PDB file of N, CA and C in Angstrom:
ATOM      1  N   MET A   1     -16.661 -25.248  79.068  1.00  0.00           N
ATOM      2  CA  MET A   1     -15.231 -25.026  79.170  1.00  0.00           C
ATOM      3  C   MET A   1     -14.699 -25.701  80.439  1.00  0.00           C
ATOM      4  N   THR A   2     -13.438 -26.052  80.362  1.00  0.00           N
ATOM      5  CA  THR A   2     -12.804 -26.691  81.519  1.00  0.00           C
ATOM      6  C   THR A   2     -11.994 -25.666  82.284  1.00  0.00           C
ATOM      7  N   ASP A   3     -11.878 -25.880  83.564  1.00  0.00           N
ATOM      8  CA  ASP A   3     -11.069 -24.984  84.403  1.00  0.00           C
ATOM      9  C   ASP A   3      -9.601 -25.369  84.266  1.00  0.00           C
ATOM     10  N   ARG A   4      -8.763 -24.364  84.343  1.00  0.00           N
ATOM     11  CA  ARG A   4      -7.319 -24.619  84.284  1.00  0.00           C
ATOM     12  C   ARG A   4      -6.814 -25.074  85.646  1.00  0.00           C
ATOM     13  N   VAL A   5      -5.864 -25.968  85.600  1.00  0.00           N
ATOM     14  CA  VAL A   5      -5.294 -26.502  86.827  1.00  0.00           C
ATOM     15  C   VAL A   5      -3.784 -26.271  86.773  1.00  0.00           C
ATOM     16  N   THR A   6      -3.233 -25.753  87.859  1.00  0.00           N
ATOM     17  CA  THR A   6      -1.794 -25.533  87.956  1.00  0.00           C
ATOM     18  C   THR A   6      -1.187 -26.691  88.734  1.00  0.00           C
ATOM     19  N   VAL A   7      -0.166 -27.286  88.150  1.00  0.00           N
ATOM     20  CA  VAL A   7       0.505 -28.407  88.799  1.00  0.00           C
ATOM     21  C   VAL A   7       1.854 -27.919  89.297  1.00  0.00           C
ATOM     22  N   THR A   8       2.115 -28.139  90.564  1.00  0.00           N
ATOM     23  CA  THR A   8       3.414 -27.765  91.136  1.00  0.00           C
ATOM     24  C   THR A   8       4.084 -29.003  91.690  1.00  0.00           C
ATOM     25  N   PHE A   9       5.384 -28.918  91.835  1.00  0.00           N
ATOM     26  CA  PHE A   9       6.160 -30.050  92.314  1.00  0.00           C
ATOM     27  C   PHE A   9       6.837 -29.720  93.636  1.00  0.00           C
ATOM     28  N   SER A  10       6.168 -29.019  94.500  1.00  0.00           N
ATOM     29  CA  SER A  10       6.787 -28.611  95.758  1.00  0.00           C
ATOM     30  C   SER A  10       7.108 -29.810  96.643  1.00  0.00           C
ATOM     31  N   CYS A  11       6.264 -30.819  96.649  1.00  0.00           N
ATOM     32  CA  CYS A  11       6.547 -32.006  97.468  1.00  0.00           C
ATOM     33  C   CYS A  11       7.780 -32.741  96.950  1.00  0.00           C
ATOM     34  N   ALA A  12       7.884 -32.835  95.636  1.00  0.00           N
ATOM     35  CA  ALA A  12       9.035 -33.518  95.055  1.00  0.00           C
ATOM     36  C   ALA A  12      10.328 -32.760  95.359  1.00  0.00           C
ATOM     37  N   ARG A  13      10.264 -31.454  95.369  1.00  0.00           N
ATOM     38  CA  ARG A  13      11.460 -30.664  95.673  1.00  0.00           C
ATOM     39  C   ARG A  13      11.885 -30.868  97.118  1.00  0.00           C
ATOM     40  N   ARG A  14      10.909 -30.926  98.016  1.00  0.00           N
ATOM     41  CA  ARG A  14      11.260 -31.145  99.412  1.00  0.00           C
ATOM     42  C   ARG A  14      11.891 -32.516  99.608  1.00  0.00           C
ATOM     43  N   ARG A  15      11.357 -33.505  98.929  1.00  0.00           N
ATOM     44  CA  ARG A  15      11.921 -34.848  99.051  1.00  0.00           C
ATOM     45  C   ARG A  15      13.343 -34.906  98.482  1.00  0.00           C
ATOM     46  N   ALA A  16      13.578 -34.181  97.405  1.00  0.00           N
ATOM     47  CA  ALA A  16      14.898 -34.191  96.777  1.00  0.00           C
ATOM     48  C   ALA A  16      15.941 -33.554  97.686  1.00  0.00           C
ATOM     49  N   ARG A  17      15.534 -32.604  98.483  1.00  0.00           N
ATOM     50  CA  ARG A  17      16.480 -31.942  99.387  1.00  0.00           C
ATOM     51  C   ARG A  17      16.849 -32.827 100.567  1.00  0.00           C
ATOM     52  N   ARG A  18      15.981 -33.752 100.936  1.00  0.00           N
ATOM     53  CA  ARG A  18      16.216 -34.589 102.117  1.00  0.00           C
ATOM     54  C   ARG A  18      16.880 -35.914 101.767  1.00  0.00           C
ATOM     55  N   ARG A  19      17.744 -35.902 100.840  1.00  0.00           N
ATOM     56  CA  ARG A  19      18.410 -37.141 100.462  1.00  0.00           C
ATOM     57  C   ARG A  19      19.334 -37.595 101.576  1.00  0.00           C
ATOM     58  N   LYS A  20      19.369 -38.873 101.764  1.00  0.00           N
ATOM     59  CA  LYS A  20      20.313 -39.392 102.746  1.00  0.00           C
ATOM     60  C   LYS A  20      21.697 -39.444 102.110  1.00  0.00           C
ATOM     61  N   PRO A  21      22.740 -39.381 102.908  1.00  0.00           N
ATOM     62  CA  PRO A  21      24.079 -39.380 102.336  1.00  0.00           C
ATOM     63  C   PRO A  21      24.325 -40.673 101.564  1.00  0.00           C
ATOM     64  N   SER A  22      24.941 -40.530 100.428  1.00  0.00           N
ATOM     65  CA  SER A  22      25.230 -41.696  99.607  1.00  0.00           C
ATOM     66  C   SER A  22      26.406 -42.453 100.203  1.00  0.00           C
ATOM     67  N   ASP A  23      26.611 -43.654  99.723  1.00  0.00           N
ATOM     68  CA  ASP A  23      27.742 -44.452 100.202  1.00  0.00           C
ATOM     69  C   ASP A  23      29.064 -43.791  99.850  1.00  0.00           C
ATOM     70  N   GLU A  24      29.085 -43.085  98.718  1.00  0.00           N
ATOM     71  CA  GLU A  24      30.314 -42.428  98.293  1.00  0.00           C
ATOM     72  C   GLU A  24      30.724 -41.334  99.275  1.00  0.00           C
ATOM     73  N   ALA A  25      29.729 -40.602  99.827  1.00  0.00           N
ATOM     74  CA  ALA A  25      30.046 -39.512 100.750  1.00  0.00           C
ATOM     75  C   ALA A  25      30.575 -40.037 102.078  1.00  0.00           C
ATOM     76  N   THR A  26      30.155 -41.242 102.481  1.00  0.00           N
ATOM     77  CA  THR A  26      30.599 -41.787 103.760  1.00  0.00           C
ATOM     78  C   THR A  26      31.781 -42.726 103.610  1.00  0.00           C
ATOM     79  N   ASP A  27      32.154 -43.056 102.396  1.00  0.00           N
ATOM     80  CA  ASP A  27      33.268 -43.968 102.128  1.00  0.00           C
ATOM     81  C   ASP A  27      34.595 -43.250 102.366  1.00  0.00           C
ATOM     82  N   PRO A  28      35.501 -43.850 103.133  1.00  0.00           N
ATOM     83  CA  PRO A  28      36.799 -43.190 103.347  1.00  0.00           C
ATOM     84  C   PRO A  28      37.592 -43.029 102.053  1.00  0.00           C
ATOM     85  N   GLY A  29      37.399 -43.920 101.083  1.00  0.00           N
ATOM     86  CA  GLY A  29      38.098 -43.807  99.807  1.00  0.00           C
ATOM     87  C   GLY A  29      37.670 -42.561  99.050  1.00  0.00           C
ATOM     88  N   ALA A  30      36.406 -42.170  99.204  1.00  0.00           N
ATOM     89  CA  ALA A  30      35.926 -40.963  98.526  1.00  0.00           C
ATOM     90  C   ALA A  30      36.635 -39.727  99.065  1.00  0.00           C
ATOM     91  N   ALA A  31      36.932 -39.723 100.343  1.00  0.00           N
ATOM     92  CA  ALA A  31      37.662 -38.592 100.927  1.00  0.00           C
ATOM     93  C   ALA A  31      39.072 -38.529 100.362  1.00  0.00           C
ATOM     94  N   GLN A  32      39.686 -39.693 100.142  1.00  0.00           N
ATOM     95  CA  GLN A  32      41.024 -39.710  99.556  1.00  0.00           C
ATOM     96  C   GLN A  32      41.002 -39.222  98.115  1.00  0.00           C
ATOM     97  N   VAL A  33      39.959 -39.599  97.367  1.00  0.00           N
ATOM     98  CA  VAL A  33      39.836 -39.146  95.980  1.00  0.00           C
ATOM     99  C   VAL A  33      39.657 -37.632  95.953  1.00  0.00           C
ATOM    100  N   ARG A  34      38.813 -37.111  96.834  1.00  0.00           N
ATOM    101  CA  ARG A  34      38.628 -35.650  96.902  1.00  0.00           C
ATOM    102  C   ARG A  34      39.943 -34.964  97.258  1.00  0.00           C
ATOM    103  N   SER A  35      40.717 -35.574  98.146  1.00  0.00           N
ATOM    104  CA  SER A  35      42.017 -35.004  98.518  1.00  0.00           C
ATOM    105  C   SER A  35      42.961 -34.991  97.319  1.00  0.00           C
ATOM    106  N   LEU A  36      42.966 -36.070  96.533  1.00  0.00           N
ATOM    107  CA  LEU A  36      43.800 -36.116  95.327  1.00  0.00           C
ATOM    108  C   LEU A  36      43.373 -35.049  94.332  1.00  0.00           C
ATOM    109  N   ILE A  37      42.079 -34.887  94.148  1.00  0.00           N
ATOM    110  CA  ILE A  37      41.577 -33.870  93.215  1.00  0.00           C
ATOM    111  C   ILE A  37      41.968 -32.477  93.692  1.00  0.00           C
ATOM    112  N   ARG A  38      41.848 -32.223  94.997  1.00  0.00           N
ATOM    113  CA  ARG A  38      42.255 -30.916  95.533  1.00  0.00           C
ATOM    114  C   ARG A  38      43.749 -30.686  95.338  1.00  0.00           C
ATOM    115  N   THR A  39      44.548 -31.724  95.562  1.00  0.00           N
ATOM    116  CA  THR A  39      45.994 -31.608  95.383  1.00  0.00           C
ATOM    117  C   THR A  39      46.339 -31.283  93.939  1.00  0.00           C
ATOM    118  N   GLN A  40      45.705 -31.986  93.008  1.00  0.00           N
ATOM    119  CA  GLN A  40      45.993 -31.740  91.599  1.00  0.00           C
ATOM    120  C   GLN A  40      45.459 -30.395  91.138  1.00  0.00           C
ATOM    121  N   ALA A  41      44.339 -29.948  91.680  1.00  0.00           N
ATOM    122  CA  ALA A  41      43.820 -28.613  91.336  1.00  0.00           C
ATOM    123  C   ALA A  41      44.766 -27.530  91.843  1.00  0.00           C
ATOM    124  N   ARG A  42      45.263 -27.722  93.063  1.00  0.00           N
ATOM    125  CA  ARG A  42      46.222 -26.760  93.623  1.00  0.00           C
ATOM    126  C   ARG A  42      47.501 -26.730  92.786  1.00  0.00           C
ATOM    127  N   LEU A  43      47.942 -27.886  92.353  1.00  0.00           N
ATOM    128  CA  LEU A  43      49.122 -27.977  91.503  1.00  0.00           C
ATOM    129  C   LEU A  43      48.897 -27.280  90.165  1.00  0.00           C
ATOM    130  N   ALA A  44      47.733 -27.479  89.572  1.00  0.00           N
ATOM    131  CA  ALA A  44      47.422 -26.837  88.294  1.00  0.00           C
ATOM    132  C   ALA A  44      47.387 -25.316  88.443  1.00  0.00           C
ATOM    133  N   LEU A  45      46.788 -24.839  89.522  1.00  0.00           N
ATOM    134  CA  LEU A  45      46.742 -23.390  89.742  1.00  0.00           C
ATOM    135  C   LEU A  45      48.143 -22.824  89.984  1.00  0.00           C
ATOM    136  N   THR A  46      48.977 -23.564  90.698  1.00  0.00           N
ATOM    137  CA  THR A  46      50.340 -23.110  90.943  1.00  0.00           C
ATOM    138  C   THR A  46      51.135 -23.058  89.638  1.00  0.00           C
ATOM    139  N   SER A  47      51.010 -24.094  88.821  1.00  0.00           N
ATOM    140  CA  SER A  47      51.719 -24.113  87.532  1.00  0.00           C
ATOM    141  C   SER A  47      51.261 -22.969  86.642  1.00  0.00           C
ATOM    142  N   THR A  48      49.966 -22.731  86.611  1.00  0.00           N
ATOM    143  CA  THR A  48      49.419 -21.635  85.816  1.00  0.00           C
ATOM    144  C   THR A  48      49.931 -20.296  86.322  1.00  0.00           C
ATOM    145  N   ALA A  49      49.972 -20.124  87.623  1.00  0.00           N
ATOM    146  CA  ALA A  49      50.452 -18.860  88.195  1.00  0.00           C
ATOM    147  C   ALA A  49      51.921 -18.622  87.870  1.00  0.00           C
ATOM    148  N   ILE A  50      52.732 -19.674  87.926  1.00  0.00           N
ATOM    149  CA  ILE A  50      54.159 -19.522  87.617  1.00  0.00           C
ATOM    150  C   ILE A  50      54.351 -19.070  86.170  1.00  0.00           C
ATOM    151  N   VAL A  51      53.668 -19.752  85.247  1.00  0.00           N
ATOM    152  CA  VAL A  51      53.791 -19.387  83.828  1.00  0.00           C
ATOM    153  C   VAL A  51      53.258 -17.976  83.600  1.00  0.00           C
ATOM    154  N   PHE A  52      52.143 -17.648  84.233  1.00  0.00           N
ATOM    155  CA  PHE A  52      51.554 -16.315  84.066  1.00  0.00           C
ATOM    156  C   PHE A  52      52.506 -15.230  84.548  1.00  0.00           C
ATOM    157  N   VAL A  53      53.096 -15.435  85.712  1.00  0.00           N
ATOM    158  CA  VAL A  53      54.013 -14.431  86.258  1.00  0.00           C
ATOM    159  C   VAL A  53      55.243 -14.275  85.363  1.00  0.00           C
ATOM    160  N   LEU A  54      55.794 -15.388  84.903  1.00  0.00           N
ATOM    161  CA  LEU A  54      56.982 -15.294  84.047  1.00  0.00           C
ATOM    162  C   LEU A  54      56.674 -14.617  82.716  1.00  0.00           C
ATOM    163  N   LEU A  55      55.551 -14.979  82.113  1.00  0.00           N
ATOM    164  CA  LEU A  55      55.255 -14.425  80.791  1.00  0.00           C
ATOM    165  C   LEU A  55      54.731 -12.990  80.853  1.00  0.00           C
ATOM    166  N   THR A  56      54.041 -12.622  81.920  1.00  0.00           N
ATOM    167  CA  THR A  56      53.634 -11.224  82.036  1.00  0.00           C
ATOM    168  C   THR A  56      54.784 -10.370  82.556  1.00  0.00           C
ATOM    169  N   GLY A  57      55.767 -11.015  83.161  1.00  0.00           N
ATOM    170  CA  GLY A  57      56.936 -10.277  83.639  1.00  0.00           C
ATOM    171  C   GLY A  57      57.817  -9.770  82.509  1.00  0.00           C
ATOM    172  N   LEU A  58      57.792 -10.465  81.372  1.00  0.00           N
ATOM    173  CA  LEU A  58      58.628 -10.024  80.244  1.00  0.00           C
ATOM    174  C   LEU A  58      58.235  -8.639  79.734  1.00  0.00           C
ATOM    175  N   PRO A  59      56.972  -8.375  79.423  1.00  0.00           N
ATOM    176  CA  PRO A  59      56.623  -7.016  78.998  1.00  0.00           C
ATOM    177  C   PRO A  59      56.886  -5.976  80.083  1.00  0.00           C
ATOM    178  N   LEU A  60      56.663  -6.362  81.340  1.00  0.00           N
ATOM    179  CA  LEU A  60      56.953  -5.428  82.431  1.00  0.00           C
ATOM    180  C   LEU A  60      58.443  -5.124  82.507  1.00  0.00           C
ATOM    181  N   LEU A  61      59.269  -6.138  82.304  1.00  0.00           N
ATOM    182  CA  LEU A  61      60.716  -5.926  82.307  1.00  0.00           C
ATOM    183  C   LEU A  61      61.127  -4.929  81.233  1.00  0.00           C
ATOM    184  N   PHE A  62      60.592  -5.099  80.029  1.00  0.00           N
ATOM    185  CA  PHE A  62      60.964  -4.193  78.940  1.00  0.00           C
ATOM    186  C   PHE A  62      60.335  -2.807  79.106  1.00  0.00           C
ATOM    187  N   ALA A  63      59.217  -2.729  79.814  1.00  0.00           N
ATOM    188  CA  ALA A  63      58.617  -1.415  80.084  1.00  0.00           C
ATOM    189  C   ALA A  63      59.417  -0.663  81.151  1.00  0.00           C
ATOM    190  N   LEU A  64      59.909  -1.390  82.149  1.00  0.00           N
ATOM    191  CA  LEU A  64      60.663  -0.750  83.230  1.00  0.00           C
ATOM    192  C   LEU A  64      62.116  -0.467  82.843  1.00  0.00           C
ATOM    193  N   ALA A  65      62.643  -1.257  81.916  1.00  0.00           N
ATOM    194  CA  ALA A  65      64.020  -1.049  81.457  1.00  0.00           C
ATOM    195  C   ALA A  65      64.012  -0.929  79.938  1.00  0.00           C
ATOM    196  N   PRO A  66      63.605   0.243  79.428  1.00  0.00           N
ATOM    197  CA  PRO A  66      63.472   0.385  77.974  1.00  0.00           C
ATOM    198  C   PRO A  66      64.788   0.235  77.216  1.00  0.00           C
ATOM    199  N   GLY A  67      65.904   0.377  77.887  1.00  0.00           N
ATOM    200  CA  GLY A  67      67.194   0.205  77.226  1.00  0.00           C
ATOM    201  C   GLY A  67      67.402  -1.225  76.740  1.00  0.00           C
ATOM    202  N   LEU A  68      66.769  -2.194  77.396  1.00  0.00           N
ATOM    203  CA  LEU A  68      66.902  -3.590  76.969  1.00  0.00           C
ATOM    204  C   LEU A  68      66.246  -3.837  75.613  1.00  0.00           C
ATOM    205  N   SER A  69      65.281  -3.017  75.269  1.00  0.00           N
ATOM    206  CA  SER A  69      64.584  -3.196  73.996  1.00  0.00           C
ATOM    207  C   SER A  69      65.477  -2.899  72.804  1.00  0.00           C
ATOM    208  N   HIS A  70      66.534  -2.156  73.026  1.00  0.00           N
ATOM    209  CA  HIS A  70      67.419  -1.773  71.926  1.00  0.00           C
ATOM    210  C   HIS A  70      68.644  -2.671  71.806  1.00  0.00           C
ATOM    211  N   VAL A  71      68.809  -3.594  72.750  1.00  0.00           N
ATOM    212  CA  VAL A  71      69.927  -4.534  72.693  1.00  0.00           C
ATOM    213  C   VAL A  71      69.673  -5.511  71.546  1.00  0.00           C
ATOM    214  N   ARG A  72      70.730  -5.798  70.790  1.00  0.00           N
ATOM    215  CA  ARG A  72      70.597  -6.718  69.647  1.00  0.00           C
ATOM    216  C   ARG A  72      71.496  -7.934  69.850  1.00  0.00           C
ATOM    217  N   LEU A  73      70.950  -9.101  69.544  1.00  0.00           N
ATOM    218  CA  LEU A  73      71.698 -10.351  69.538  1.00  0.00           C
ATOM    219  C   LEU A  73      71.609 -10.922  68.134  1.00  0.00           C
ATOM    220  N   MET A  74      72.744 -11.095  67.502  1.00  0.00           N
ATOM    221  CA  MET A  74      72.798 -11.607  66.123  1.00  0.00           C
ATOM    222  C   MET A  74      71.923 -10.781  65.179  1.00  0.00           C
ATOM    223  N   GLY A  75      71.867  -9.488  65.405  1.00  0.00           N
ATOM    224  CA  GLY A  75      71.119  -8.583  64.543  1.00  0.00           C
ATOM    225  C   GLY A  75      69.629  -8.498  64.842  1.00  0.00           C
ATOM    226  N   VAL A  76      69.149  -9.227  65.848  1.00  0.00           N
ATOM    227  CA  VAL A  76      67.724  -9.229  66.196  1.00  0.00           C
ATOM    228  C   VAL A  76      67.574  -8.609  67.577  1.00  0.00           C
ATOM    229  N   ARG A  77      66.550  -7.773  67.741  1.00  0.00           N
ATOM    230  CA  ARG A  77      66.345  -7.118  69.032  1.00  0.00           C
ATOM    231  C   ARG A  77      65.991  -8.137  70.110  1.00  0.00           C
ATOM    232  N   LEU A  78      66.457  -7.868  71.334  1.00  0.00           N
ATOM    233  CA  LEU A  78      66.325  -8.781  72.460  1.00  0.00           C
ATOM    234  C   LEU A  78      64.884  -9.229  72.740  1.00  0.00           C
ATOM    235  N   PRO A  79      63.884  -8.337  72.728  1.00  0.00           N
ATOM    236  CA  PRO A  79      62.518  -8.820  72.990  1.00  0.00           C
ATOM    237  C   PRO A  79      62.070  -9.903  72.008  1.00  0.00           C
ATOM    238  N   TRP A  80      62.461  -9.772  70.737  1.00  0.00           N
ATOM    239  CA  TRP A  80      62.074 -10.779  69.744  1.00  0.00           C
ATOM    240  C   TRP A  80      62.819 -12.078  69.973  1.00  0.00           C
ATOM    241  N   VAL A  81      64.066 -11.994  70.380  1.00  0.00           N
ATOM    242  CA  VAL A  81      64.831 -13.217  70.667  1.00  0.00           C
ATOM    243  C   VAL A  81      64.189 -13.965  71.827  1.00  0.00           C
ATOM    244  N   ILE A  82      63.814 -13.227  72.864  1.00  0.00           N
ATOM    245  CA  ILE A  82      63.195 -13.861  74.032  1.00  0.00           C
ATOM    246  C   ILE A  82      61.835 -14.447  73.663  1.00  0.00           C
ATOM    247  N   LEU A  83      61.023 -13.686  72.922  1.00  0.00           N
ATOM    248  CA  LEU A  83      59.697 -14.182  72.560  1.00  0.00           C
ATOM    249  C   LEU A  83      59.762 -15.391  71.635  1.00  0.00           C
ATOM    250  N   CYS A  84      60.725 -15.419  70.731  1.00  0.00           N
ATOM    251  CA  CYS A  84      60.814 -16.534  69.776  1.00  0.00           C
ATOM    252  C   CYS A  84      61.542 -17.744  70.340  1.00  0.00           C
ATOM    253  N   GLY A  85      62.516 -17.524  71.202  1.00  0.00           N
ATOM    254  CA  GLY A  85      63.303 -18.648  71.674  1.00  0.00           C
ATOM    255  C   GLY A  85      63.273 -18.880  73.167  1.00  0.00           C
ATOM    256  N   GLY A  86      62.723 -17.946  73.917  1.00  0.00           N
ATOM    257  CA  GLY A  86      62.749 -18.075  75.371  1.00  0.00           C
ATOM    258  C   GLY A  86      61.445 -18.497  75.999  1.00  0.00           C
ATOM    259  N   VAL A  87      60.345 -18.308  75.284  1.00  0.00           N
ATOM    260  CA  VAL A  87      59.049 -18.633  75.863  1.00  0.00           C
ATOM    261  C   VAL A  87      58.787 -20.138  75.823  1.00  0.00           C
ATOM    262  N   GLN A  88      59.155 -20.782  74.726  1.00  0.00           N
ATOM    263  CA  GLN A  88      58.895 -22.211  74.598  1.00  0.00           C
ATOM    264  C   GLN A  88      59.583 -23.036  75.684  1.00  0.00           C
ATOM    265  N   PRO A  89      60.837 -22.763  76.014  1.00  0.00           N
ATOM    266  CA  PRO A  89      61.442 -23.522  77.123  1.00  0.00           C
ATOM    267  C   PRO A  89      60.700 -23.327  78.449  1.00  0.00           C
ATOM    268  N   ILE A  90      60.151 -22.138  78.668  1.00  0.00           N
ATOM    269  CA  ILE A  90      59.369 -21.912  79.885  1.00  0.00           C
ATOM    270  C   ILE A  90      58.149 -22.817  79.897  1.00  0.00           C
ATOM    271  N   TRP A  91      57.444 -22.884  78.768  1.00  0.00           N
ATOM    272  CA  TRP A  91      56.261 -23.760  78.670  1.00  0.00           C
ATOM    273  C   TRP A  91      56.656 -25.214  78.911  1.00  0.00           C
ATOM    274  N   VAL A  92      57.744 -25.649  78.282  1.00  0.00           N
ATOM    275  CA  VAL A  92      58.165 -27.048  78.388  1.00  0.00           C
ATOM    276  C   VAL A  92      58.564 -27.379  79.827  1.00  0.00           C
ATOM    277  N   MET A  93      59.342 -26.510  80.454  1.00  0.00           N
ATOM    278  CA  MET A  93      59.760 -26.760  81.838  1.00  0.00           C
ATOM    279  C   MET A  93      58.556 -26.778  82.778  1.00  0.00           C
ATOM    280  N   ALA A  94      57.625 -25.849  82.595  1.00  0.00           N
ATOM    281  CA  ALA A  94      56.433 -25.820  83.447  1.00  0.00           C
ATOM    282  C   ALA A  94      55.582 -27.067  83.234  1.00  0.00           C
ATOM    283  N   ALA A  95      55.447 -27.510  81.992  1.00  0.00           N
ATOM    284  CA  ALA A  95      54.651 -28.704  81.699  1.00  0.00           C
ATOM    285  C   ALA A  95      55.306 -29.952  82.296  1.00  0.00           C
ATOM    286  N   ARG A  96      56.609 -30.080  82.147  1.00  0.00           N
ATOM    287  CA  ARG A  96      57.315 -31.249  82.707  1.00  0.00           C
ATOM    288  C   ARG A  96      57.221 -31.266  84.220  1.00  0.00           C
ATOM    289  N   ARG A  97      57.368 -30.102  84.845  1.00  0.00           N
ATOM    290  CA  ARG A  97      57.248 -30.005  86.301  1.00  0.00           C
ATOM    291  C   ARG A  97      55.847 -30.398  86.751  1.00  0.00           C
ATOM    292  N   HIS A  98      54.845 -29.896  86.031  1.00  0.00           N
ATOM    293  CA  HIS A  98      53.464 -30.192  86.391  1.00  0.00           C
ATOM    294  C   HIS A  98      53.180 -31.695  86.280  1.00  0.00           C
ATOM    295  N   VAL A  99      53.588 -32.313  85.190  1.00  0.00           N
ATOM    296  CA  VAL A  99      53.345 -33.742  84.998  1.00  0.00           C
ATOM    297  C   VAL A  99      54.080 -34.560  86.055  1.00  0.00           C
ATOM    298  N   ARG A 100      55.316 -34.190  86.348  1.00  0.00           N
ATOM    299  CA  ARG A 100      56.095 -34.921  87.354  1.00  0.00           C
ATOM    300  C   ARG A 100      55.419 -34.858  88.723  1.00  0.00           C
ATOM    301  N   LEU A 101      54.973 -33.668  89.122  1.00  0.00           N
ATOM    302  CA  LEU A 101      54.332 -33.528  90.429  1.00  0.00           C
ATOM    303  C   LEU A 101      52.945 -34.168  90.463  1.00  0.00           C
ATOM    304  N   ALA A 102      52.216 -34.119  89.353  1.00  0.00           N
ATOM    305  CA  ALA A 102      50.899 -34.770  89.304  1.00  0.00           C
ATOM    306  C   ALA A 102      51.051 -36.283  89.403  1.00  0.00           C
ATOM    307  N   GLU A 103      52.041 -36.842  88.712  1.00  0.00           N
ATOM    308  CA  GLU A 103      52.274 -38.284  88.802  1.00  0.00           C
ATOM    309  C   GLU A 103      52.722 -38.681  90.200  1.00  0.00           C
ATOM    310  N   ARG A 104      53.514 -37.836  90.844  1.00  0.00           N
ATOM    311  CA  ARG A 104      53.934 -38.115  92.222  1.00  0.00           C
ATOM    312  C   ARG A 104      52.723 -38.148  93.145  1.00  0.00           C
ATOM    313  N   ALA A 105      51.789 -37.210  92.970  1.00  0.00           N
ATOM    314  CA  ALA A 105      50.581 -37.195  93.798  1.00  0.00           C
ATOM    315  C   ALA A 105      49.733 -38.441  93.547  1.00  0.00           C
ATOM    316  N   GLU A 106      49.625 -38.865  92.296  1.00  0.00           N
ATOM    317  CA  GLU A 106      48.862 -40.070  91.991  1.00  0.00           C
ATOM    318  C   GLU A 106      49.523 -41.312  92.575  1.00  0.00           C
ATOM    319  N   ARG A 107      50.855 -41.388  92.519  1.00  0.00           N
ATOM    320  CA  ARG A 107      51.555 -42.530  93.116  1.00  0.00           C
ATOM    321  C   ARG A 107      51.343 -42.561  94.619  1.00  0.00           C
ATOM    322  N   ALA A 108      51.393 -41.391  95.251  1.00  0.00           N
ATOM    323  CA  ALA A 108      51.159 -41.327  96.698  1.00  0.00           C
ATOM    324  C   ALA A 108      49.726 -41.754  97.023  1.00  0.00           C
ATOM    325  N   PHE A 109      48.820 -41.520  96.113  1.00  0.00           N
ATOM    326  CA  PHE A 109      47.424 -41.916  96.319  1.00  0.00           C
ATOM    327  C   PHE A 109      47.250 -43.414  96.130  1.00  0.00           C
ATOM    328  N   THR A 110      47.900 -43.998  95.140  1.00  0.00           N
ATOM    329  CA  THR A 110      47.679 -45.412  94.839  1.00  0.00           C
ATOM    330  C   THR A 110      48.580 -46.350  95.629  1.00  0.00           C
ATOM    331  N   ASP A 111      49.732 -45.902  96.090  1.00  0.00           N
ATOM    332  CA  ASP A 111      50.646 -46.794  96.808  1.00  0.00           C
ATOM    333  C   ASP A 111      50.042 -47.391  98.088  1.00  0.00           C
ATOM    334  N   PRO A 112      49.365 -46.630  98.941  1.00  0.00           N
ATOM    335  CA  PRO A 112      48.769 -47.258 100.132  1.00  0.00           C
ATOM    336  C   PRO A 112      47.749 -48.351  99.767  1.00  0.00           C
ATOM    337  N   ALA A 113      47.054 -48.204  98.663  1.00  0.00           N
ATOM    338  CA  ALA A 113      46.083 -49.212  98.260  1.00  0.00           C
ATOM    339  C   ALA A 113      46.794 -50.497  97.829  1.00  0.00           C
ATOM    340  N   ARG A 114      47.949 -50.384  97.224  1.00  0.00           N
ATOM    341  CA  ARG A 114      48.701 -51.561  96.796  1.00  0.00           C
ATOM    342  C   ARG A 114      49.299 -52.309  97.976  1.00  0.00           C
ATOM    343  N   ARG A 115      49.693 -51.568  99.007  1.00  0.00           N
ATOM    344  CA  ARG A 115      50.315 -52.201 100.174  1.00  0.00           C
ATOM    345  C   ARG A 115      49.292 -52.956 101.014  1.00  0.00           C
ATOM    346  N   GLY A 116      48.042 -52.405 101.071  1.00  0.00           N
ATOM    347  CA  GLY A 116      47.027 -52.979 101.965  1.00  0.00           C
ATOM    348  C   GLY A 116      46.323 -54.114 101.437  1.00  0.00           C
TER     349      GLY A 116
END
């Protein structure tokens, strides 16, 4: 019978941890790209928070002011009018704002490269 042998890769793991910094990490352009990504991530989180607050605020509004639930517009109760006709404009406005600000951030990122 043969003896069993255990193979480990501890040396390879140590070598993998001691990597020298790549050119991308030391490149000033990489820092600008990371800054653009952070800016756009912050913008996305802000847009999401705005929509979340507005849309979760509607049920809270009707819970805190139950009299509004009985108001009728053209024979339809106010909560249904808002849900059917008021939510979509919120989505559209938030999406347009997000795209406009994201494009502005990208232009600010690319304009210095065009000038230089």
